[in-house]
């Protein structure tokens, strides 16, 4: 009966537009979610599956067309910390015994896909641009005599540390850690770890410079001085 009531509430409220719908969702979804903070903004047309495995912090904003699916296992958890913004059309999926954690003030751009079953941790103050994909799973295909679908998967997990910027269309594959303060250029495919404060690009992605390099720092200082001189 509880599951039926949950489905009814989600289906009735998700389509309500205007500020009335936002207020109703903010009020009634609290009974369904694992936790839900203050001043949460959920636009109409957002699909939640297994909300009892979903945690929302204060001032989380979730826009139209987002799908957040925590079904598949009772130990799944999707956590959006304070002031996380999930833009239009994002798809977040925890599959089996999966933890997906997005830390404070991180922005997930339109039509990004984030999927387990490996654990995924995205740090504070990150920017993930539109159409990027973060996939914590690899199919095993070593035996050519068997179907790939029957050979199982590996799930090592993904970590994106604080203050990272992933450009549009970046793909991050299973087993990767992207170090704090790194930038990944648009369209890159990240297959190996990226050290902190790196700038990486390409397919597969490789480090092309460090943000600690004197040349990089000097160019930033020149840009700052130029901007100040305008005033």
C-alpha atoms as a PDB file:
ATOM      1  CA  UNK A   1       0.000   0.000   0.000  1.00  0.00           C
ATOM      2  CA  UNK A   2       2.840   2.429   0.848  1.00  0.00           C
ATOM      3  CA  UNK A   3       4.393   1.851  -2.572  1.00  0.00           C
ATOM      4  CA  UNK A   4       1.079   2.571  -4.291  1.00  0.00           C
ATOM      5  CA  UNK A   5       0.644   5.803  -2.305  1.00  0.00           C
ATOM      6  CA  UNK A   6       4.200   6.835  -3.197  1.00  0.00           C
ATOM      7  CA  UNK A   7       3.525   6.279  -6.901  1.00  0.00           C
ATOM      8  CA  UNK A   8       0.268   8.234  -6.758  1.00  0.00           C
ATOM      9  CA  UNK A   9       1.865  11.219  -5.005  1.00  0.00           C
ATOM     10  CA  UNK A  10       4.834  11.312  -7.401  1.00  0.00           C
ATOM     11  CA  UNK A  11       2.667  11.061 -10.505  1.00  0.00           C
ATOM     12  CA  UNK A  12       0.129  13.627  -9.334  1.00  0.00           C
ATOM     13  CA  UNK A  13       2.646  16.236  -8.250  1.00  0.00           C
ATOM     14  CA  UNK A  14       5.373  15.960 -10.887  1.00  0.00           C
ATOM     15  CA  UNK A  15       3.201  17.583 -13.577  1.00  0.00           C
ATOM     16  CA  UNK A  16       1.957  20.557 -11.558  1.00  0.00           C
ATOM     17  CA  UNK A  17       3.390  23.776 -13.074  1.00  0.00           C
ATOM     18  CA  UNK A  18       3.936  27.256 -11.588  1.00  0.00           C
ATOM     19  CA  UNK A  19       4.940  28.138  -8.040  1.00  0.00           C
ATOM     20  CA  UNK A  20       1.996  26.190  -6.603  1.00  0.00           C
ATOM     21  CA  UNK A  21       3.445  22.944  -7.943  1.00  0.00           C
ATOM     22  CA  UNK A  22       6.880  23.788  -6.541  1.00  0.00           C
ATOM     23  CA  UNK A  23       5.389  24.468  -3.110  1.00  0.00           C
ATOM     24  CA  UNK A  24       3.316  21.285  -3.143  1.00  0.00           C
ATOM     25  CA  UNK A  25       6.302  19.149  -4.119  1.00  0.00           C
ATOM     26  CA  UNK A  26       8.432  20.797  -1.457  1.00  0.00           C
ATOM     27  CA  UNK A  27       5.800  19.971   1.145  1.00  0.00           C
ATOM     28  CA  UNK A  28       4.658  16.463   0.221  1.00  0.00           C
ATOM     29  CA  UNK A  29       7.868  14.959  -1.161  1.00  0.00           C
ATOM     30  CA  UNK A  30       9.358  15.235   2.341  1.00  0.00           C
ATOM     31  CA  UNK A  31       7.292  12.213   3.319  1.00  0.00           C
ATOM     32  CA  UNK A  32       8.829  10.128   0.519  1.00  0.00           C
ATOM     33  CA  UNK A  33      12.524  11.048   0.407  1.00  0.00           C
ATOM     34  CA  UNK A  34      15.227   9.767   2.767  1.00  0.00           C
ATOM     35  CA  UNK A  35      16.012  13.404   3.627  1.00  0.00           C
ATOM     36  CA  UNK A  36      15.007  16.724   2.105  1.00  0.00           C
ATOM     37  CA  UNK A  37      16.496  20.054   3.153  1.00  0.00           C
ATOM     38  CA  UNK A  38      15.131  23.586   3.210  1.00  0.00           C
ATOM     39  CA  UNK A  39      14.156  25.700   0.187  1.00  0.00           C
ATOM     40  CA  UNK A  40      14.418  22.874  -2.347  1.00  0.00           C
ATOM     41  CA  UNK A  41      13.347  23.824  -5.894  1.00  0.00           C
ATOM     42  CA  UNK A  42      11.902  20.984  -8.012  1.00  0.00           C
ATOM     43  CA  UNK A  43      10.456  22.107 -11.332  1.00  0.00           C
ATOM     44  CA  UNK A  44       7.575  20.232 -12.965  1.00  0.00           C
ATOM     45  CA  UNK A  45       8.311  17.169 -15.091  1.00  0.00           C
ATOM     46  CA  UNK A  46      11.013  15.712 -12.822  1.00  0.00           C
ATOM     47  CA  UNK A  47      10.910  11.914 -12.524  1.00  0.00           C
ATOM     48  CA  UNK A  48      11.978  10.264  -9.253  1.00  0.00           C
ATOM     49  CA  UNK A  49      12.188   6.484  -8.799  1.00  0.00           C
ATOM     50  CA  UNK A  50      12.735   4.980  -5.311  1.00  0.00           C
ATOM     51  CA  UNK A  51      12.753   8.354  -3.468  1.00  0.00           C
ATOM     52  CA  UNK A  52      13.380   6.593  -0.143  1.00  0.00           C
ATOM     53  CA  UNK A  53      16.981   6.121  -1.372  1.00  0.00           C
ATOM     54  CA  UNK A  54      17.386   9.783  -2.385  1.00  0.00           C
ATOM     55  CA  UNK A  55      18.764  12.559  -0.148  1.00  0.00           C
ATOM     56  CA  UNK A  56      18.428  16.270  -0.976  1.00  0.00           C
ATOM     57  CA  UNK A  57      20.270  19.024   0.902  1.00  0.00           C
ATOM     58  CA  UNK A  58      19.289  22.653   1.415  1.00  0.00           C
ATOM     59  CA  UNK A  59      18.611  24.836  -1.649  1.00  0.00           C
ATOM     60  CA  UNK A  60      18.980  22.021  -4.151  1.00  0.00           C
ATOM     61  CA  UNK A  61      17.550  23.006  -7.560  1.00  0.00           C
ATOM     62  CA  UNK A  62      16.310  20.382 -10.038  1.00  0.00           C
ATOM     63  CA  UNK A  63      14.971  21.486 -13.415  1.00  0.00           C
ATOM     64  CA  UNK A  64      12.451  20.093 -15.884  1.00  0.00           C
ATOM     65  CA  UNK A  65      13.024  16.721 -17.563  1.00  0.00           C
ATOM     66  CA  UNK A  66      15.466  15.352 -14.980  1.00  0.00           C
ATOM     67  CA  UNK A  67      15.324  11.632 -14.154  1.00  0.00           C
ATOM     68  CA  UNK A  68      16.758  10.447 -10.821  1.00  0.00           C
ATOM     69  CA  UNK A  69      16.466   6.685 -10.410  1.00  0.00           C
ATOM     70  CA  UNK A  70      17.679   4.936  -7.257  1.00  0.00           C
ATOM     71  CA  UNK A  71      15.804   1.672  -7.834  1.00  0.00           C
ATOM     72  CA  UNK A  72      17.355  -1.766  -8.155  1.00  0.00           C
ATOM     73  CA  UNK A  73      18.701  -2.316  -4.646  1.00  0.00           C
ATOM     74  CA  UNK A  74      17.715  -1.259  -1.129  1.00  0.00           C
ATOM     75  CA  UNK A  75      21.309  -0.140  -0.416  1.00  0.00           C
ATOM     76  CA  UNK A  76      21.345   2.352  -3.290  1.00  0.00           C
ATOM     77  CA  UNK A  77      21.830   5.993  -2.312  1.00  0.00           C
ATOM     78  CA  UNK A  78      21.781   9.184  -4.361  1.00  0.00           C
ATOM     79  CA  UNK A  79      22.828  12.253  -2.372  1.00  0.00           C
ATOM     80  CA  UNK A  80      22.640  15.831  -3.646  1.00  0.00           C
ATOM     81  CA  UNK A  81      24.302  18.138  -1.116  1.00  0.00           C
ATOM     82  CA  UNK A  82      23.446  21.774  -0.358  1.00  0.00           C
ATOM     83  CA  UNK A  83      23.035  24.133  -3.342  1.00  0.00           C
ATOM     84  CA  UNK A  84      23.590  21.484  -6.000  1.00  0.00           C
ATOM     85  CA  UNK A  85      21.966  22.446  -9.328  1.00  0.00           C
ATOM     86  CA  UNK A  86      20.731  19.744 -11.719  1.00  0.00           C
ATOM     87  CA  UNK A  87      19.862  21.315 -15.081  1.00  0.00           C
ATOM     88  CA  UNK A  88      17.366  20.223 -17.758  1.00  0.00           C
ATOM     89  CA  UNK A  89      17.249  16.611 -18.932  1.00  0.00           C
ATOM     90  CA  UNK A  90      19.919  15.159 -16.632  1.00  0.00           C
ATOM     91  CA  UNK A  91      19.742  11.382 -16.076  1.00  0.00           C
ATOM     92  CA  UNK A  92      21.132   9.990 -12.786  1.00  0.00           C
ATOM     93  CA  UNK A  93      20.918   6.226 -12.216  1.00  0.00           C
ATOM     94  CA  UNK A  94      22.072   4.015  -9.340  1.00  0.00           C
ATOM     95  CA  UNK A  95      21.815   0.387 -10.419  1.00  0.00           C
ATOM     96  CA  UNK A  96      22.924  -2.196  -7.829  1.00  0.00           C
ATOM     97  CA  UNK A  97      24.247  -1.348  -4.339  1.00  0.00           C
ATOM     98  CA  UNK A  98      25.388   2.025  -5.687  1.00  0.00           C
ATOM     99  CA  UNK A  99      26.257   5.328  -4.023  1.00  0.00           C
ATOM    100  CA  UNK A 100      26.171   8.504  -6.119  1.00  0.00           C
ATOM    101  CA  UNK A 101      27.268  11.564  -4.125  1.00  0.00           C
ATOM    102  CA  UNK A 102      27.298  15.096  -5.556  1.00  0.00           C
ATOM    103  CA  UNK A 103      28.804  17.587  -3.124  1.00  0.00           C
ATOM    104  CA  UNK A 104      27.967  21.209  -2.321  1.00  0.00           C
ATOM    105  CA  UNK A 105      27.465  23.900  -4.969  1.00  0.00           C
ATOM    106  CA  UNK A 106      28.216  21.622  -7.909  1.00  0.00           C
ATOM    107  CA  UNK A 107      26.448  22.329 -11.205  1.00  0.00           C
ATOM    108  CA  UNK A 108      25.373  19.476 -13.498  1.00  0.00           C
ATOM    109  CA  UNK A 109      24.609  20.845 -16.977  1.00  0.00           C
ATOM    110  CA  UNK A 110      21.809  19.910 -19.377  1.00  0.00           C
ATOM    111  CA  UNK A 111      21.486  16.312 -20.575  1.00  0.00           C
ATOM    112  CA  UNK A 112      24.392  14.928 -18.549  1.00  0.00           C
ATOM    113  CA  UNK A 113      24.227  11.184 -17.760  1.00  0.00           C
ATOM    114  CA  UNK A 114      25.608   9.847 -14.462  1.00  0.00           C
ATOM    115  CA  UNK A 115      25.275   6.086 -13.986  1.00  0.00           C
ATOM    116  CA  UNK A 116      26.476   3.250 -11.735  1.00  0.00           C
ATOM    117  CA  UNK A 117      26.623   0.492 -10.665  1.00  0.00           C
ATOM    118  CA  UNK A 118      30.083   1.592  -9.484  1.00  0.00           C
ATOM    119  CA  UNK A 119      30.121   4.322  -6.822  1.00  0.00           C
ATOM    120  CA  UNK A 120      30.460   7.899  -8.078  1.00  0.00           C
ATOM    121  CA  UNK A 121      31.699  10.851  -6.010  1.00  0.00           C
ATOM    122  CA  UNK A 122      31.662  14.376  -7.438  1.00  0.00           C
ATOM    123  CA  UNK A 123      33.224  16.998  -5.177  1.00  0.00           C
ATOM    124  CA  UNK A 124      32.357  20.558  -4.191  1.00  0.00           C
ATOM    125  CA  UNK A 125      32.133  23.494  -6.612  1.00  0.00           C
ATOM    126  CA  UNK A 126      32.440  21.404  -9.776  1.00  0.00           C
ATOM    127  CA  UNK A 127      31.086  22.354 -13.206  1.00  0.00           C
ATOM    128  CA  UNK A 128      29.936  19.483 -15.441  1.00  0.00           C
ATOM    129  CA  UNK A 129      28.937  20.881 -18.837  1.00  0.00           C
ATOM    130  CA  UNK A 130      26.114  19.765 -21.122  1.00  0.00           C
ATOM    131  CA  UNK A 131      25.956  16.300 -22.704  1.00  0.00           C
ATOM    132  CA  UNK A 132      28.790  14.876 -20.590  1.00  0.00           C
ATOM    133  CA  UNK A 133      28.684  11.269 -19.368  1.00  0.00           C
ATOM    134  CA  UNK A 134      30.058   9.727 -16.176  1.00  0.00           C
ATOM    135  CA  UNK A 135      29.809   5.938 -16.422  1.00  0.00           C
ATOM    136  CA  UNK A 136      31.011   3.731 -13.542  1.00  0.00           C
ATOM    137  CA  UNK A 137      30.795   0.450 -15.440  1.00  0.00           C
ATOM    138  CA  UNK A 138      32.744  -1.426 -18.110  1.00  0.00           C
ATOM    139  CA  UNK A 139      31.553  -4.507 -19.957  1.00  0.00           C
ATOM    140  CA  UNK A 140      33.866  -7.532 -20.029  1.00  0.00           C
ATOM    141  CA  UNK A 141      34.422  -8.735 -23.597  1.00  0.00           C
ATOM    142  CA  UNK A 142      37.548 -10.916 -23.354  1.00  0.00           C
ATOM    143  CA  UNK A 143      35.860 -14.150 -24.538  1.00  0.00           C
ATOM    144  CA  UNK A 144      34.894 -13.867 -28.244  1.00  0.00           C
ATOM    145  CA  UNK A 145      32.925 -17.123 -28.065  1.00  0.00           C
ATOM    146  CA  UNK A 146      30.328 -15.659 -25.698  1.00  0.00           C
ATOM    147  CA  UNK A 147      27.912 -12.773 -25.935  1.00  0.00           C
ATOM    148  CA  UNK A 148      29.256  -9.595 -24.381  1.00  0.00           C
ATOM    149  CA  UNK A 149      26.032  -9.266 -22.408  1.00  0.00           C
ATOM    150  CA  UNK A 150      26.735 -12.604 -20.677  1.00  0.00           C
ATOM    151  CA  UNK A 151      30.323 -11.827 -19.586  1.00  0.00           C
ATOM    152  CA  UNK A 152      29.526  -9.430 -16.759  1.00  0.00           C
ATOM    153  CA  UNK A 153      30.900  -6.012 -15.914  1.00  0.00           C
ATOM    154  CA  UNK A 154      33.619  -4.351 -13.844  1.00  0.00           C
ATOM    155  CA  UNK A 155      32.676  -1.560 -11.423  1.00  0.00           C
ATOM    156  CA  UNK A 156      35.648   0.278  -9.926  1.00  0.00           C
ATOM    157  CA  UNK A 157      33.931   3.613  -9.346  1.00  0.00           C
ATOM    158  CA  UNK A 158      34.702   7.217 -10.289  1.00  0.00           C
ATOM    159  CA  UNK A 159      35.940  10.177  -8.222  1.00  0.00           C
ATOM    160  CA  UNK A 160      35.877  13.774  -9.449  1.00  0.00           C
ATOM    161  CA  UNK A 161      37.501  15.918  -6.775  1.00  0.00           C
ATOM    162  CA  UNK A 162      36.593  19.491  -5.750  1.00  0.00           C
ATOM    163  CA  UNK A 163      36.696  22.470  -8.127  1.00  0.00           C
ATOM    164  CA  UNK A 164      36.868  20.564 -11.422  1.00  0.00           C
ATOM    165  CA  UNK A 165      35.470  21.765 -14.741  1.00  0.00           C
ATOM    166  CA  UNK A 166      34.432  19.247 -17.397  1.00  0.00           C
ATOM    167  CA  UNK A 167      33.675  20.816 -20.778  1.00  0.00           C
ATOM    168  CA  UNK A 168      30.760  19.917 -23.012  1.00  0.00           C
ATOM    169  CA  UNK A 169      30.549  16.302 -24.114  1.00  0.00           C
ATOM    170  CA  UNK A 170      33.283  14.926 -21.835  1.00  0.00           C
ATOM    171  CA  UNK A 171      33.062  11.195 -21.107  1.00  0.00           C
ATOM    172  CA  UNK A 172      34.531   9.798 -17.867  1.00  0.00           C
ATOM    173  CA  UNK A 173      34.958   6.029 -17.780  1.00  0.00           C
ATOM    174  CA  UNK A 174      35.041   3.585 -14.875  1.00  0.00           C
ATOM    175  CA  UNK A 175      38.016   3.495 -12.516  1.00  0.00           C
ATOM    176  CA  UNK A 176      39.065   7.123 -13.053  1.00  0.00           C
ATOM    177  CA  UNK A 177      39.963   9.816 -10.512  1.00  0.00           C
ATOM    178  CA  UNK A 178      40.128  13.432 -11.693  1.00  0.00           C
ATOM    179  CA  UNK A 179      42.245  15.445  -9.280  1.00  0.00           C
ATOM    180  CA  UNK A 180      41.217  18.630  -7.508  1.00  0.00           C
ATOM    181  CA  UNK A 181      41.134  21.803  -9.590  1.00  0.00           C
ATOM    182  CA  UNK A 182      41.482  20.076 -12.953  1.00  0.00           C
ATOM    183  CA  UNK A 183      39.989  21.148 -16.288  1.00  0.00           C
ATOM    184  CA  UNK A 184      38.970  18.655 -19.001  1.00  0.00           C
ATOM    185  CA  UNK A 185      38.441  20.024 -22.505  1.00  0.00           C
ATOM    186  CA  UNK A 186      35.226  19.579 -24.467  1.00  0.00           C
ATOM    187  CA  UNK A 187      34.756  16.190 -26.101  1.00  0.00           C
ATOM    188  CA  UNK A 188      37.552  14.462 -24.185  1.00  0.00           C
ATOM    189  CA  UNK A 189      37.291  10.797 -23.149  1.00  0.00           C
ATOM    190  CA  UNK A 190      38.908  10.257 -19.740  1.00  0.00           C
ATOM    191  CA  UNK A 191      40.213   6.696 -19.413  1.00  0.00           C
ATOM    192  CA  UNK A 192      43.030   7.228 -16.863  1.00  0.00           C
ATOM    193  CA  UNK A 193      43.576   9.245 -13.695  1.00  0.00           C
ATOM    194  CA  UNK A 194      44.250  12.970 -14.057  1.00  0.00           C
ATOM    195  CA  UNK A 195      46.503  14.631 -11.437  1.00  0.00           C
ATOM    196  CA  UNK A 196      45.289  17.666  -9.478  1.00  0.00           C
ATOM    197  CA  UNK A 197      45.473  21.098 -11.136  1.00  0.00           C
ATOM    198  CA  UNK A 198      45.817  19.626 -14.626  1.00  0.00           C
ATOM    199  CA  UNK A 199      44.415  20.691 -17.981  1.00  0.00           C
ATOM    200  CA  UNK A 200      43.554  17.632 -20.074  1.00  0.00           C
ATOM    201  CA  UNK A 201      42.099  17.168 -23.555  1.00  0.00           C
ATOM    202  CA  UNK A 202      41.780  14.648 -26.360  1.00  0.00           C
ATOM    203  CA  UNK A 203      40.621  11.101 -27.076  1.00  0.00           C
ATOM    204  CA  UNK A 204      41.831   9.493 -24.929  1.00  0.00           C
ATOM    205  CA  UNK A 205      42.386  12.471 -22.633  1.00  0.00           C
ATOM    206  CA  UNK A 206      45.967  13.388 -21.785  1.00  0.00           C
ATOM    207  CA  UNK A 207      47.408  16.174 -19.648  1.00  0.00           C
ATOM    208  CA  UNK A 208      48.513  19.065 -21.850  1.00  0.00           C
ATOM    209  CA  UNK A 209      49.549  21.486 -19.107  1.00  0.00           C
ATOM    210  CA  UNK A 210      49.480  22.067 -15.371  1.00  0.00           C
ATOM    211  CA  UNK A 211      47.671  24.954 -13.765  1.00  0.00           C
ATOM    212  CA  UNK A 212      50.750  25.281 -11.533  1.00  0.00           C
ATOM    213  CA  UNK A 213      53.074  26.011 -14.488  1.00  0.00           C
ATOM    214  CA  UNK A 214      54.686  29.470 -14.393  1.00  0.00           C
ATOM    215  CA  UNK A 215      53.492  30.175 -17.957  1.00  0.00           C
ATOM    216  CA  UNK A 216      49.896  29.369 -17.028  1.00  0.00           C
ATOM    217  CA  UNK A 217      50.014  31.453 -13.829  1.00  0.00           C
ATOM    218  CA  UNK A 218      51.630  34.424 -15.638  1.00  0.00           C
ATOM    219  CA  UNK A 219      48.869  34.400 -18.286  1.00  0.00           C
ATOM    220  CA  UNK A 220      46.229  34.395 -15.571  1.00  0.00           C
ATOM    221  CA  UNK A 221      47.906  37.331 -13.802  1.00  0.00           C
ATOM    222  CA  UNK A 222      48.079  39.279 -17.084  1.00  0.00           C
ATOM    223  CA  UNK A 223      44.367  38.651 -17.627  1.00  0.00           C
ATOM    224  CA  UNK A 224      43.528  39.853 -14.111  1.00  0.00           C
ATOM    225  CA  UNK A 225      45.661  43.003 -14.494  1.00  0.00           C
ATOM    226  CA  UNK A 226      44.057  43.727 -17.885  1.00  0.00           C
ATOM    227  CA  UNK A 227      40.566  43.443 -16.413  1.00  0.00           C
ATOM    228  CA  UNK A 228      41.466  45.678 -13.450  1.00  0.00           C
ATOM    229  CA  UNK A 229      42.923  48.348 -15.779  1.00  0.00           C
ATOM    230  CA  UNK A 230      39.507  48.801 -17.394  1.00  0.00           C
ATOM    231  CA  UNK A 231      38.102  50.363 -14.243  1.00  0.00           C
END
